[in-house]
N, C-alpha and C. Protein backbone atom coordinates (compact mmCIF):
# COMPACT_ATOMS: atom_id res chain seq x y z
N UNK A 1 93.15 147.61 95.02
CA UNK A 1 93.73 146.95 93.68
C UNK A 1 93.01 145.90 93.02
N UNK A 2 92.24 146.27 92.07
CA UNK A 2 91.59 145.13 91.31
C UNK A 2 92.65 144.29 90.42
N UNK A 3 92.60 143.00 90.46
CA UNK A 3 93.14 141.82 89.75
C UNK A 3 92.48 141.53 88.60
N UNK A 4 92.90 141.79 87.34
CA UNK A 4 92.22 141.42 86.28
C UNK A 4 93.08 140.24 85.49
N UNK A 5 94.31 140.05 85.69
CA UNK A 5 95.19 139.04 85.23
C UNK A 5 96.27 138.79 86.25
N UNK A 6 96.74 137.54 85.94
CA UNK A 6 97.76 137.00 87.03
C UNK A 6 98.95 137.88 87.22
N UNK A 7 99.25 138.71 86.18
CA UNK A 7 100.49 139.50 86.29
C UNK A 7 100.16 140.56 86.97
N UNK A 8 99.26 141.03 87.73
CA UNK A 8 98.68 141.87 88.45
C UNK A 8 99.08 141.71 89.91
N UNK A 9 99.19 140.32 90.15
CA UNK A 9 99.43 139.73 91.54
C UNK A 9 100.86 140.12 91.99
N UNK A 10 100.98 140.69 93.06
CA UNK A 10 102.14 141.33 93.63
C UNK A 10 103.14 140.05 93.91
N UNK A 11 102.69 138.96 94.54
CA UNK A 11 103.54 137.89 94.82
C UNK A 11 104.05 137.49 93.10
N UNK A 12 103.19 137.51 92.43
CA UNK A 12 103.99 137.02 90.93
C UNK A 12 104.89 137.64 90.31
N UNK A 13 104.62 139.02 90.43
CA UNK A 13 105.78 140.04 89.97
C UNK A 13 107.03 140.07 90.97
N UNK A 14 107.04 139.81 92.08
CA UNK A 14 108.37 139.57 92.89
C UNK A 14 108.82 138.26 92.44
N UNK A 15 108.16 137.13 92.48
CA UNK A 15 108.75 135.78 91.89
C UNK A 15 109.28 136.17 90.52
N UNK A 16 108.64 136.71 89.53
CA UNK A 16 109.44 136.89 88.22
C UNK A 16 110.66 137.71 88.16
N UNK A 17 110.70 138.74 89.36
CA UNK A 17 111.86 139.41 89.45
C UNK A 17 112.92 138.46 90.07
N UNK A 18 112.66 137.57 90.89
CA UNK A 18 113.45 136.63 91.41
C UNK A 18 113.98 135.62 90.35
N UNK A 19 113.03 135.15 89.26
CA UNK A 19 113.60 134.40 88.27
C UNK A 19 114.71 135.13 87.14
N UNK A 20 114.37 136.53 87.04
CA UNK A 20 115.34 137.39 86.22
C UNK A 20 116.73 137.21 86.82
N UNK A 21 116.79 137.38 88.14
CA UNK A 21 117.94 137.80 88.94
C UNK A 21 118.72 136.46 88.89
N UNK A 22 118.18 135.07 89.06
CA UNK A 22 118.68 133.78 89.31
C UNK A 22 119.14 133.42 87.71
N UNK A 23 118.36 133.90 86.85
CA UNK A 23 118.94 133.64 85.25
C UNK A 23 120.19 134.51 85.05
N UNK A 24 120.20 135.78 85.63
CA UNK A 24 121.58 136.61 85.60
C UNK A 24 122.58 136.16 86.15
N UNK A 25 122.33 135.59 87.24
CA UNK A 25 123.54 135.01 88.27
C UNK A 25 124.09 133.61 87.52
N UNK A 26 123.03 132.87 87.09
CA UNK A 26 123.53 131.68 86.62
C UNK A 26 124.28 131.51 85.18
N UNK A 27 124.18 132.89 84.59
CA UNK A 27 124.72 133.13 83.19
C UNK A 27 126.32 133.34 83.66
N UNK A 28 126.76 133.33 84.57
CA UNK A 28 127.84 133.71 85.02
C UNK A 28 128.68 132.33 84.53
N UNK A 29 130.16 132.39 83.98
CA UNK A 29 131.13 131.42 83.55
C UNK A 29 131.25 130.19 84.41
N UNK A 30 131.28 130.31 85.83
CA UNK A 30 131.47 129.44 86.84
C UNK A 30 130.18 128.44 86.63
N UNK A 31 128.92 128.94 86.47
CA UNK A 31 127.63 128.26 86.36
C UNK A 31 127.60 127.33 85.09
N UNK A 32 128.29 128.00 84.20
CA UNK A 32 128.14 127.31 82.82
C UNK A 32 128.91 126.20 82.81
N UNK A 33 130.11 125.91 83.65
CA UNK A 33 130.84 124.74 83.93
C UNK A 33 129.86 123.28 84.23
N UNK A 34 128.94 123.83 84.93
CA UNK A 34 128.16 122.84 85.77
C UNK A 34 126.40 122.81 85.04
N UNK A 35 126.43 122.15 83.91
CA UNK A 35 124.98 122.62 83.25
C UNK A 35 123.85 122.00 84.22
N UNK A 36 124.26 120.92 85.01
CA UNK A 36 123.08 120.05 85.57
C UNK A 36 122.63 121.06 86.80
N UNK A 37 123.49 121.74 87.56
CA UNK A 37 123.39 122.51 88.58
C UNK A 37 122.65 123.87 88.08
N UNK A 38 123.07 124.40 87.01
CA UNK A 38 122.60 125.51 86.57
C UNK A 38 121.04 125.38 86.08
N UNK A 39 121.09 124.20 85.51
CA UNK A 39 119.38 123.83 84.86
C UNK A 39 118.40 123.64 86.06
N UNK A 40 119.23 123.01 87.17
CA UNK A 40 118.11 122.75 88.24
C UNK A 40 117.66 124.12 88.93
N UNK A 41 118.80 125.06 89.14
CA UNK A 41 118.54 126.15 89.90
C UNK A 41 117.34 126.83 89.06
N UNK A 42 117.69 127.07 87.66
CA UNK A 42 116.85 127.61 86.73
C UNK A 42 115.30 127.08 86.86
N UNK A 43 115.33 125.75 86.96
CA UNK A 43 113.71 125.28 87.00
C UNK A 43 113.13 125.56 88.27
N UNK A 44 113.86 125.43 89.48
CA UNK A 44 113.48 125.57 90.62
C UNK A 44 112.88 126.98 90.76
N UNK A 45 113.67 127.97 90.10
CA UNK A 45 113.11 129.52 90.15
C UNK A 45 111.65 129.42 89.44
N UNK A 46 111.58 128.90 88.13
CA UNK A 46 110.48 129.02 87.31
C UNK A 46 109.43 128.33 88.46
N UNK A 47 109.54 127.29 88.95
CA UNK A 47 108.50 126.78 89.75
C UNK A 47 107.67 127.61 91.00
N UNK A 48 108.63 128.61 91.25
CA UNK A 48 108.23 129.83 92.32
C UNK A 48 107.21 130.42 91.65
N UNK A 49 107.54 130.89 90.22
CA UNK A 49 106.76 131.63 89.64
C UNK A 49 105.21 130.87 89.41
N UNK A 50 105.31 129.88 89.05
CA UNK A 50 104.15 128.79 88.62
C UNK A 50 103.38 128.66 90.02
N UNK A 51 104.08 128.35 91.01
CA UNK A 51 103.09 128.15 92.07
C UNK A 51 102.47 129.31 92.54
N UNK A 52 102.78 130.69 92.58
CA UNK A 52 102.15 131.78 93.11
C UNK A 52 101.02 132.02 91.84
N UNK A 53 101.08 131.65 90.72
CA UNK A 53 100.25 131.76 89.87
C UNK A 53 99.12 130.63 90.18
N UNK A 54 99.30 129.60 90.28
CA UNK A 54 98.42 128.46 90.25
C UNK A 54 97.69 128.77 91.65
N UNK A 55 98.36 129.29 92.73
CA UNK A 55 97.58 129.53 94.03
C UNK A 55 96.40 130.51 93.92
N UNK A 56 96.37 131.31 93.10
CA UNK A 56 95.35 132.43 92.77
C UNK A 56 94.12 131.80 92.07
N UNK A 57 94.45 130.57 91.12
CA UNK A 57 93.37 130.30 90.49
C UNK A 57 92.22 129.19 91.31
């Protein structure tokens, strides 16, 4: 499989799915009560996507 753009990288695709799932989970009413925790978890999830992308460059 030829990789023409970073979206083609399987690790990035999996990380993106993880981010979507974390955002879905943190939309729960209980997470909304603790904005700091919700924000920290979401930022950490986004870092996973970014790290996978920059490793390939």
